[in-house]
Amino acid sequence: MRSRKSKIVISIKLYIITALAGNDDVKRDLVKTGLVPIIVSLLRRHSGNPTTAASMLKCISALSLREAAHGRAFLEHGAADVVVECLAAHADRADVQKNGCWAVRNMVARYREHNAKLLELGIEAVLQRAYDKFADQFGFDIKSALRDLDCDVKFDEQWKGRGVQLEQ
């Protein structure tokens, strides 16, 4: 019972942190408090629970969005290993895969120095498997993560602009 209650409390706190991270100033203050190593540690500890893992990955995504220093902090505190582990362990869970690819993308989008580490851990193959399974639901997000990891990705051309002449 205590373990279940503990996971519920963690999930509530993660939802609050994720919501607060929507404000860039608050996000910076949250990270300054030393939250990054705590979140990585919690993800490592609870990576076997797909619901909790999905919430933590979403939190990492929110905290590292548009913040190169935050993405770097997560990667330097070992988030790469545990994120790849979570994605591989919960390959059938759409929420884990989607939040995980967002977390990867946001961590590396403005800080590509750790791409090699993630690629060494096998993130490309993990994301490709996720794409094979969930392409119709959030394939663009997976391709975006692969693009920001400097992997070869072919995006579908949404609009070709043919057949219309513009008047001059």
N, C-alpha and C. Protein backbone atom coordinates (compact mmCIF):
# COMPACT_ATOMS: atom_id res chain seq x y z
N MET A 1 0.83 -1.20 0.00
CA MET A 1 0.00 0.00 0.00
C MET A 1 0.87 1.26 0.00
N ARG A 2 1.89 1.25 0.83
CA ARG A 2 2.77 2.43 0.93
C ARG A 2 3.43 2.74 -0.41
N SER A 3 3.87 1.69 -1.12
CA SER A 3 4.53 1.87 -2.40
C SER A 3 3.58 2.51 -3.42
N ARG A 4 2.33 2.06 -3.44
CA ARG A 4 1.34 2.62 -4.37
C ARG A 4 1.07 4.08 -4.04
N LYS A 5 0.95 4.38 -2.75
CA LYS A 5 0.71 5.76 -2.33
C LYS A 5 1.91 6.64 -2.69
N SER A 6 3.10 6.11 -2.52
CA SER A 6 4.31 6.84 -2.86
C SER A 6 4.34 7.17 -4.36
N LYS A 7 3.96 6.22 -5.21
CA LYS A 7 3.95 6.45 -6.66
C LYS A 7 2.90 7.47 -7.05
N ILE A 8 1.78 7.47 -6.35
CA ILE A 8 0.74 8.46 -6.64
C ILE A 8 1.23 9.85 -6.27
N VAL A 9 1.90 9.98 -5.14
CA VAL A 9 2.43 11.27 -4.71
C VAL A 9 3.48 11.75 -5.71
N ILE A 10 4.36 10.85 -6.16
CA ILE A 10 5.37 11.22 -7.15
C ILE A 10 4.70 11.69 -8.43
N SER A 11 3.67 10.97 -8.88
CA SER A 11 2.98 11.35 -10.12
C SER A 11 2.34 12.73 -10.01
N ILE A 12 1.73 13.00 -8.88
CA ILE A 12 1.10 14.32 -8.67
C ILE A 12 2.15 15.41 -8.71
N LYS A 13 3.27 15.20 -8.05
CA LYS A 13 4.34 16.20 -8.05
C LYS A 13 4.89 16.41 -9.44
N LEU A 14 5.03 15.33 -10.20
CA LEU A 14 5.53 15.45 -11.57
C LEU A 14 4.57 16.25 -12.45
N TYR A 15 3.27 15.99 -12.29
CA TYR A 15 2.29 16.76 -13.06
C TYR A 15 2.37 18.25 -12.72
N ILE A 16 2.55 18.55 -11.46
CA ILE A 16 2.67 19.96 -11.03
C ILE A 16 3.92 20.59 -11.62
N ILE A 17 5.05 19.89 -11.51
CA ILE A 17 6.31 20.42 -12.06
C ILE A 17 6.19 20.62 -13.56
N THR A 18 5.59 19.65 -14.25
CA THR A 18 5.42 19.75 -15.70
C THR A 18 4.56 20.96 -16.06
N ALA A 19 3.49 21.16 -15.31
CA ALA A 19 2.61 22.30 -15.57
C ALA A 19 3.34 23.62 -15.31
N LEU A 20 4.07 23.68 -14.22
CA LEU A 20 4.82 24.90 -13.88
C LEU A 20 5.90 25.20 -14.92
N ALA A 21 6.47 24.15 -15.52
CA ALA A 21 7.53 24.31 -16.50
C ALA A 21 7.04 24.96 -17.79
N GLY A 22 5.74 25.14 -17.91
CA GLY A 22 5.19 25.84 -19.06
C GLY A 22 5.59 27.31 -19.08
N ASN A 23 5.96 27.84 -17.93
CA ASN A 23 6.45 29.21 -17.84
C ASN A 23 7.98 29.15 -17.81
N ASP A 24 8.63 29.79 -18.78
CA ASP A 24 10.08 29.68 -18.91
C ASP A 24 10.83 30.18 -17.68
N ASP A 25 10.36 31.25 -17.06
CA ASP A 25 11.04 31.77 -15.87
C ASP A 25 10.93 30.79 -14.70
N VAL A 26 9.75 30.22 -14.52
CA VAL A 26 9.55 29.23 -13.46
C VAL A 26 10.38 27.98 -13.74
N LYS A 27 10.43 27.59 -15.01
CA LYS A 27 11.23 26.42 -15.41
C LYS A 27 12.69 26.62 -15.02
N ARG A 28 13.22 27.79 -15.29
CA ARG A 28 14.62 28.07 -14.94
C ARG A 28 14.83 28.02 -13.43
N ASP A 29 13.87 28.57 -12.69
CA ASP A 29 13.97 28.54 -11.22
C ASP A 29 13.90 27.11 -10.70
N LEU A 30 13.04 26.29 -11.28
CA LEU A 30 12.92 24.89 -10.86
C LEU A 30 14.25 24.15 -11.05
N VAL A 31 14.87 24.36 -12.19
CA VAL A 31 16.13 23.67 -12.48
C VAL A 31 17.24 24.18 -11.55
N LYS A 32 17.22 25.47 -11.24
CA LYS A 32 18.22 26.04 -10.33
C LYS A 32 18.16 25.43 -8.94
N THR A 33 17.00 24.91 -8.55
CA THR A 33 16.86 24.33 -7.21
C THR A 33 17.53 22.96 -7.09
N GLY A 34 18.02 22.42 -8.19
CA GLY A 34 18.67 21.11 -8.14
C GLY A 34 17.74 19.96 -8.47
N LEU A 35 16.71 20.24 -9.21
CA LEU A 35 15.69 19.25 -9.53
C LEU A 35 16.16 18.18 -10.52
N VAL A 36 17.09 18.53 -11.40
CA VAL A 36 17.50 17.61 -12.47
C VAL A 36 18.03 16.27 -11.94
N PRO A 37 19.00 16.24 -11.03
CA PRO A 37 19.48 14.93 -10.57
C PRO A 37 18.41 14.14 -9.81
N ILE A 38 17.49 14.84 -9.18
CA ILE A 38 16.40 14.15 -8.46
C ILE A 38 15.49 13.44 -9.46
N ILE A 39 15.13 14.13 -10.54
CA ILE A 39 14.25 13.53 -11.55
C ILE A 39 14.94 12.35 -12.23
N VAL A 40 16.22 12.49 -12.55
CA VAL A 40 16.94 11.38 -13.18
C VAL A 40 17.00 10.19 -12.23
N SER A 41 17.25 10.45 -10.96
CA SER A 41 17.30 9.38 -9.96
C SER A 41 15.94 8.69 -9.81
N LEU A 42 14.89 9.47 -9.77
CA LEU A 42 13.54 8.90 -9.66
C LEU A 42 13.19 8.09 -10.90
N LEU A 43 13.57 8.59 -12.07
CA LEU A 43 13.29 7.83 -13.29
C LEU A 43 14.04 6.51 -13.27
N ARG A 44 15.28 6.54 -12.83
CA ARG A 44 16.06 5.30 -12.73
C ARG A 44 15.39 4.32 -11.77
N ARG A 45 14.92 4.83 -10.64
CA ARG A 45 14.31 3.98 -9.61
C ARG A 45 12.96 3.41 -10.03
N HIS A 46 12.17 4.20 -10.75
CA HIS A 46 10.80 3.80 -11.11
C HIS A 46 10.64 3.50 -12.60
N SER A 47 11.73 3.21 -13.29
CA SER A 47 11.66 2.99 -14.74
C SER A 47 10.83 1.77 -15.11
N GLY A 48 10.63 0.87 -14.20
CA GLY A 48 9.84 -0.32 -14.47
C GLY A 48 8.34 -0.07 -14.52
N ASN A 49 7.90 1.06 -13.99
CA ASN A 49 6.49 1.41 -13.98
C ASN A 49 6.21 2.31 -15.18
N PRO A 50 5.50 1.83 -16.20
CA PRO A 50 5.33 2.62 -17.41
C PRO A 50 4.57 3.94 -17.21
N THR A 51 3.61 3.97 -16.32
CA THR A 51 2.87 5.21 -16.08
C THR A 51 3.75 6.26 -15.44
N THR A 52 4.51 5.86 -14.45
CA THR A 52 5.43 6.79 -13.79
C THR A 52 6.54 7.21 -14.74
N ALA A 53 7.06 6.26 -15.50
CA ALA A 53 8.12 6.58 -16.47
C ALA A 53 7.61 7.59 -17.50
N ALA A 54 6.40 7.40 -18.00
CA ALA A 54 5.83 8.34 -18.97
C ALA A 54 5.72 9.74 -18.37
N SER A 55 5.29 9.83 -17.12
CA SER A 55 5.17 11.13 -16.45
C SER A 55 6.53 11.80 -16.28
N MET A 56 7.53 11.02 -15.93
CA MET A 56 8.87 11.58 -15.74
C MET A 56 9.48 12.02 -17.05
N LEU A 57 9.27 11.24 -18.10
CA LEU A 57 9.77 11.62 -19.41
C LEU A 57 9.10 12.90 -19.91
N LYS A 58 7.83 13.04 -19.63
CA LYS A 58 7.12 14.26 -20.00
C LYS A 58 7.67 15.45 -19.22
N CYS A 59 7.99 15.24 -17.96
CA CYS A 59 8.57 16.28 -17.13
C CYS A 59 9.95 16.70 -17.67
N ILE A 60 10.77 15.72 -18.02
CA ILE A 60 12.09 16.02 -18.61
C ILE A 60 11.91 16.81 -19.89
N SER A 61 10.95 16.41 -20.70
CA SER A 61 10.68 17.11 -21.94
C SER A 61 10.30 18.57 -21.68
N ALA A 62 9.41 18.78 -20.72
CA ALA A 62 8.96 20.15 -20.41
C ALA A 62 10.10 21.00 -19.85
N LEU A 63 10.91 20.43 -18.99
CA LEU A 63 11.99 21.20 -18.37
C LEU A 63 13.12 21.51 -19.35
N SER A 64 13.30 20.68 -20.36
CA SER A 64 14.40 20.91 -21.31
C SER A 64 13.96 21.61 -22.60
N LEU A 65 12.68 21.88 -22.74
CA LEU A 65 12.17 22.56 -23.94
C LEU A 65 12.75 23.97 -24.04
N ARG A 66 13.38 24.26 -25.17
CA ARG A 66 13.96 25.58 -25.47
C ARG A 66 15.04 26.01 -24.46
N GLU A 67 15.63 25.08 -23.75
CA GLU A 67 16.65 25.40 -22.75
C GLU A 67 17.86 24.48 -22.93
N ALA A 68 18.85 24.93 -23.68
CA ALA A 68 20.03 24.11 -23.95
C ALA A 68 20.72 23.69 -22.65
N ALA A 69 20.82 24.60 -21.70
CA ALA A 69 21.50 24.29 -20.43
C ALA A 69 20.77 23.20 -19.66
N HIS A 70 19.46 23.18 -19.75
CA HIS A 70 18.68 22.15 -19.05
C HIS A 70 18.86 20.79 -19.71
N GLY A 71 18.85 20.77 -21.04
CA GLY A 71 19.09 19.51 -21.75
C GLY A 71 20.47 18.97 -21.41
N ARG A 72 21.45 19.85 -21.39
CA ARG A 72 22.82 19.46 -21.03
C ARG A 72 22.86 18.91 -19.61
N ALA A 73 22.16 19.56 -18.68
CA ALA A 73 22.14 19.11 -17.28
C ALA A 73 21.55 17.70 -17.17
N PHE A 74 20.46 17.46 -17.86
CA PHE A 74 19.85 16.12 -17.81
C PHE A 74 20.82 15.08 -18.37
N LEU A 75 21.44 15.39 -19.50
CA LEU A 75 22.36 14.43 -20.11
C LEU A 75 23.59 14.22 -19.24
N GLU A 76 24.09 15.27 -18.62
CA GLU A 76 25.26 15.14 -17.75
C GLU A 76 24.96 14.40 -16.46
N HIS A 77 23.71 14.33 -16.06
CA HIS A 77 23.32 13.60 -14.85
C HIS A 77 22.85 12.17 -15.17
N GLY A 78 23.10 11.71 -16.40
CA GLY A 78 22.83 10.32 -16.73
C GLY A 78 21.46 10.02 -17.30
N ALA A 79 20.75 11.03 -17.76
CA ALA A 79 19.41 10.80 -18.30
C ALA A 79 19.44 9.95 -19.57
N ALA A 80 20.50 10.03 -20.35
CA ALA A 80 20.56 9.29 -21.61
C ALA A 80 20.37 7.80 -21.38
N ASP A 81 21.12 7.23 -20.45
CA ASP A 81 21.03 5.79 -20.18
C ASP A 81 19.63 5.37 -19.79
N VAL A 82 19.06 6.10 -18.85
CA VAL A 82 17.76 5.69 -18.31
C VAL A 82 16.62 5.96 -19.29
N VAL A 83 16.73 6.99 -20.09
CA VAL A 83 15.69 7.25 -21.10
C VAL A 83 15.68 6.14 -22.14
N VAL A 84 16.85 5.77 -22.63
CA VAL A 84 16.93 4.68 -23.62
C VAL A 84 16.41 3.39 -22.99
N GLU A 85 16.77 3.15 -21.74
CA GLU A 85 16.30 1.95 -21.03
C GLU A 85 14.77 1.93 -20.92
N CYS A 86 14.18 3.06 -20.57
CA CYS A 86 12.72 3.15 -20.46
C CYS A 86 12.04 2.91 -21.79
N LEU A 87 12.56 3.53 -22.85
CA LEU A 87 11.96 3.35 -24.16
C LEU A 87 12.05 1.91 -24.63
N ALA A 88 13.18 1.27 -24.36
CA ALA A 88 13.34 -0.13 -24.76
C ALA A 88 12.45 -1.05 -23.93
N ALA A 89 12.33 -0.76 -22.64
CA ALA A 89 11.55 -1.63 -21.74
C ALA A 89 10.05 -1.52 -21.98
N HIS A 90 9.59 -0.36 -22.43
CA HIS A 90 8.15 -0.14 -22.60
C HIS A 90 7.84 0.15 -24.07
N ALA A 91 8.35 -0.70 -24.93
CA ALA A 91 8.20 -0.50 -26.37
C ALA A 91 6.76 -0.52 -26.85
N ASP A 92 5.86 -1.12 -26.08
CA ASP A 92 4.46 -1.21 -26.49
C ASP A 92 3.59 -0.10 -25.92
N ARG A 93 4.17 0.77 -25.14
CA ARG A 93 3.40 1.84 -24.49
C ARG A 93 3.56 3.15 -25.27
N ALA A 94 2.48 3.59 -25.89
CA ALA A 94 2.52 4.81 -26.70
C ALA A 94 2.89 6.02 -25.85
N ASP A 95 2.37 6.12 -24.62
CA ASP A 95 2.66 7.28 -23.79
C ASP A 95 4.15 7.37 -23.44
N VAL A 96 4.77 6.24 -23.15
CA VAL A 96 6.21 6.23 -22.84
C VAL A 96 7.00 6.61 -24.09
N GLN A 97 6.64 6.03 -25.23
CA GLN A 97 7.37 6.29 -26.47
C GLN A 97 7.26 7.76 -26.89
N LYS A 98 6.05 8.30 -26.83
CA LYS A 98 5.85 9.68 -27.25
C LYS A 98 6.60 10.65 -26.33
N ASN A 99 6.41 10.49 -25.02
CA ASN A 99 7.08 11.39 -24.08
C ASN A 99 8.59 11.20 -24.12
N GLY A 100 9.03 9.97 -24.36
CA GLY A 100 10.46 9.70 -24.46
C GLY A 100 11.09 10.35 -25.67
N CYS A 101 10.41 10.28 -26.80
CA CYS A 101 10.99 10.92 -28.00
C CYS A 101 10.97 12.43 -27.86
N TRP A 102 9.96 12.99 -27.19
CA TRP A 102 9.96 14.43 -26.92
C TRP A 102 11.12 14.79 -25.99
N ALA A 103 11.35 13.98 -24.97
CA ALA A 103 12.45 14.25 -24.03
C ALA A 103 13.79 14.21 -24.76
N VAL A 104 13.99 13.19 -25.59
CA VAL A 104 15.24 13.09 -26.35
C VAL A 104 15.40 14.30 -27.25
N ARG A 105 14.35 14.63 -27.97
CA ARG A 105 14.44 15.76 -28.90
C ARG A 105 14.76 17.05 -28.16
N ASN A 106 14.07 17.31 -27.07
CA ASN A 106 14.28 18.56 -26.35
C ASN A 106 15.65 18.62 -25.68
N MET A 107 16.16 17.47 -25.26
CA MET A 107 17.50 17.47 -24.64
C MET A 107 18.59 17.75 -25.66
N VAL A 108 18.43 17.29 -26.90
CA VAL A 108 19.51 17.43 -27.88
C VAL A 108 19.28 18.52 -28.92
N ALA A 109 18.09 19.06 -29.00
CA ALA A 109 17.78 20.02 -30.07
C ALA A 109 18.73 21.22 -30.06
N ARG A 110 19.09 21.68 -28.89
CA ARG A 110 19.98 22.84 -28.78
C ARG A 110 21.33 22.48 -28.15
N TYR A 111 21.54 21.20 -27.96
CA TYR A 111 22.79 20.74 -27.33
C TYR A 111 23.13 19.37 -27.91
N ARG A 112 23.78 19.38 -29.05
CA ARG A 112 24.01 18.14 -29.79
C ARG A 112 25.30 17.41 -29.41
N GLU A 113 26.01 17.93 -28.45
CA GLU A 113 27.27 17.31 -28.06
C GLU A 113 27.09 15.90 -27.48
N HIS A 114 25.89 15.58 -26.99
CA HIS A 114 25.64 14.26 -26.42
C HIS A 114 24.96 13.30 -27.40
N ASN A 115 24.81 13.72 -28.65
CA ASN A 115 24.20 12.83 -29.65
C ASN A 115 24.95 11.51 -29.74
N ALA A 116 26.28 11.58 -29.74
CA ALA A 116 27.09 10.37 -29.88
C ALA A 116 26.80 9.39 -28.74
N LYS A 117 26.65 9.91 -27.53
CA LYS A 117 26.37 9.05 -26.37
C LYS A 117 25.03 8.34 -26.56
N LEU A 118 23.99 9.09 -26.95
CA LEU A 118 22.67 8.50 -27.16
C LEU A 118 22.70 7.48 -28.29
N LEU A 119 23.41 7.79 -29.36
CA LEU A 119 23.50 6.87 -30.49
C LEU A 119 24.27 5.61 -30.09
N GLU A 120 25.30 5.77 -29.29
CA GLU A 120 26.06 4.63 -28.77
C GLU A 120 25.18 3.71 -27.92
N LEU A 121 24.21 4.29 -27.22
CA LEU A 121 23.30 3.52 -26.38
C LEU A 121 22.20 2.83 -27.19
N GLY A 122 22.13 3.11 -28.49
CA GLY A 122 21.16 2.45 -29.35
C GLY A 122 19.83 3.18 -29.51
N ILE A 123 19.83 4.47 -29.27
CA ILE A 123 18.57 5.23 -29.34
C ILE A 123 17.98 5.21 -30.75
N GLU A 124 18.81 5.19 -31.78
CA GLU A 124 18.28 5.21 -33.15
C GLU A 124 17.42 3.97 -33.41
N ALA A 125 17.90 2.80 -33.04
CA ALA A 125 17.14 1.56 -33.24
C ALA A 125 15.87 1.56 -32.41
N VAL A 126 15.95 2.07 -31.19
CA VAL A 126 14.77 2.13 -30.31
C VAL A 126 13.71 3.04 -30.92
N LEU A 127 14.13 4.19 -31.42
CA LEU A 127 13.18 5.13 -32.03
C LEU A 127 12.63 4.59 -33.35
N GLN A 128 13.45 3.87 -34.11
CA GLN A 128 12.97 3.27 -35.35
C GLN A 128 11.89 2.22 -35.06
N ARG A 129 12.09 1.43 -34.00
CA ARG A 129 11.06 0.45 -33.62
C ARG A 129 9.78 1.17 -33.19
N ALA A 130 9.94 2.26 -32.46
CA ALA A 130 8.77 3.04 -32.05
C ALA A 130 8.06 3.60 -33.28
N TYR A 131 8.83 4.04 -34.27
CA TYR A 131 8.22 4.56 -35.49
C TYR A 131 7.45 3.46 -36.21
N ASP A 132 8.02 2.27 -36.29
CA ASP A 132 7.34 1.16 -36.95
C ASP A 132 5.99 0.85 -36.28
N LYS A 133 5.94 1.02 -34.98
CA LYS A 133 4.73 0.69 -34.22
C LYS A 133 3.74 1.86 -34.13
N PHE A 134 4.24 3.09 -34.01
CA PHE A 134 3.38 4.23 -33.72
C PHE A 134 3.43 5.34 -34.77
N ALA A 135 3.86 5.04 -35.97
CA ALA A 135 4.01 6.06 -37.01
C ALA A 135 2.71 6.81 -37.27
N ASP A 136 1.60 6.10 -37.25
CA ASP A 136 0.32 6.75 -37.55
C ASP A 136 -0.15 7.66 -36.41
N GLN A 137 0.36 7.47 -35.20
CA GLN A 137 -0.07 8.28 -34.07
C GLN A 137 0.82 9.50 -33.85
N PHE A 138 2.14 9.30 -33.87
CA PHE A 138 3.05 10.42 -33.63
C PHE A 138 4.39 10.21 -34.34
N GLY A 139 4.31 9.74 -35.56
CA GLY A 139 5.50 9.49 -36.36
C GLY A 139 6.34 10.73 -36.60
N PHE A 140 5.69 11.88 -36.77
CA PHE A 140 6.44 13.11 -37.00
C PHE A 140 7.32 13.44 -35.80
N ASP A 141 6.81 13.21 -34.59
CA ASP A 141 7.60 13.48 -33.38
C ASP A 141 8.82 12.57 -33.30
N ILE A 142 8.64 11.32 -33.68
CA ILE A 142 9.77 10.37 -33.66
C ILE A 142 10.80 10.78 -34.71
N LYS A 143 10.34 11.14 -35.90
CA LYS A 143 11.26 11.59 -36.95
C LYS A 143 11.99 12.86 -36.53
N SER A 144 11.31 13.74 -35.82
CA SER A 144 11.95 14.97 -35.35
C SER A 144 13.08 14.66 -34.36
N ALA A 145 12.83 13.70 -33.48
CA ALA A 145 13.88 13.29 -32.53
C ALA A 145 15.07 12.70 -33.30
N LEU A 146 14.78 11.85 -34.27
CA LEU A 146 15.85 11.26 -35.07
C LEU A 146 16.62 12.34 -35.84
N ARG A 147 15.92 13.31 -36.38
CA ARG A 147 16.58 14.42 -37.10
C ARG A 147 17.52 15.18 -36.18
N ASP A 148 17.05 15.48 -34.95
CA ASP A 148 17.88 16.24 -34.02
C ASP A 148 19.04 15.42 -33.47
N LEU A 149 18.96 14.10 -33.63
CA LEU A 149 20.09 13.23 -33.28
C LEU A 149 21.05 13.10 -34.47
N ASP A 150 20.78 13.82 -35.55
CA ASP A 150 21.57 13.80 -36.78
C ASP A 150 21.52 12.44 -37.49
N CYS A 151 20.40 11.76 -37.36
CA CYS A 151 20.18 10.50 -38.08
C CYS A 151 19.55 10.82 -39.44
N ASP A 152 19.71 9.91 -40.38
CA ASP A 152 19.08 10.09 -41.69
C ASP A 152 17.58 9.86 -41.55
N VAL A 153 16.81 10.88 -41.92
CA VAL A 153 15.35 10.80 -41.81
C VAL A 153 14.76 11.39 -43.08
N LYS A 154 13.72 10.74 -43.59
CA LYS A 154 13.02 11.27 -44.75
C LYS A 154 11.64 11.73 -44.28
N PHE A 155 11.44 13.04 -44.35
CA PHE A 155 10.14 13.59 -43.99
C PHE A 155 9.24 13.59 -45.22
N ASP A 156 7.97 13.33 -45.00
CA ASP A 156 7.00 13.36 -46.08
C ASP A 156 6.75 14.81 -46.46
N GLU A 157 6.69 15.07 -47.75
CA GLU A 157 6.41 16.41 -48.21
C GLU A 157 4.90 16.63 -48.12
N GLN A 158 4.50 17.53 -47.24
CA GLN A 158 3.08 17.74 -46.97
C GLN A 158 2.39 18.52 -48.09
N TRP A 159 3.12 19.43 -48.71
CA TRP A 159 2.53 20.28 -49.72
C TRP A 159 3.56 20.55 -50.78
N LYS A 160 3.19 20.32 -52.03
CA LYS A 160 4.14 20.48 -53.11
C LYS A 160 3.99 21.81 -53.84
N GLY A 161 2.86 22.44 -53.75
CA GLY A 161 2.66 23.74 -54.38
C GLY A 161 2.62 23.72 -55.89
N ARG A 162 2.15 22.63 -56.47
CA ARG A 162 2.10 22.52 -57.92
C ARG A 162 0.70 22.87 -58.42
N GLY A 163 0.64 23.29 -59.66
CA GLY A 163 -0.63 23.48 -60.32
C GLY A 163 -1.26 24.85 -60.10
N VAL A 164 -0.61 25.72 -59.40
CA VAL A 164 -1.17 27.04 -59.17
C VAL A 164 -0.17 28.07 -59.66
N GLN A 165 -0.68 28.99 -60.45
CA GLN A 165 0.17 30.06 -60.94
C GLN A 165 -0.15 31.33 -60.14
N LEU A 166 0.88 31.96 -59.66
CA LEU A 166 0.68 33.22 -58.95
C LEU A 166 0.67 34.36 -59.95
N GLU A 167 -0.25 35.28 -59.76
CA GLU A 167 -0.31 36.45 -60.64
C GLU A 167 0.75 37.44 -60.22
N GLN A 168 1.34 38.07 -61.22
CA GLN A 168 2.40 39.05 -60.91
C GLN A 168 1.94 40.44 -61.08
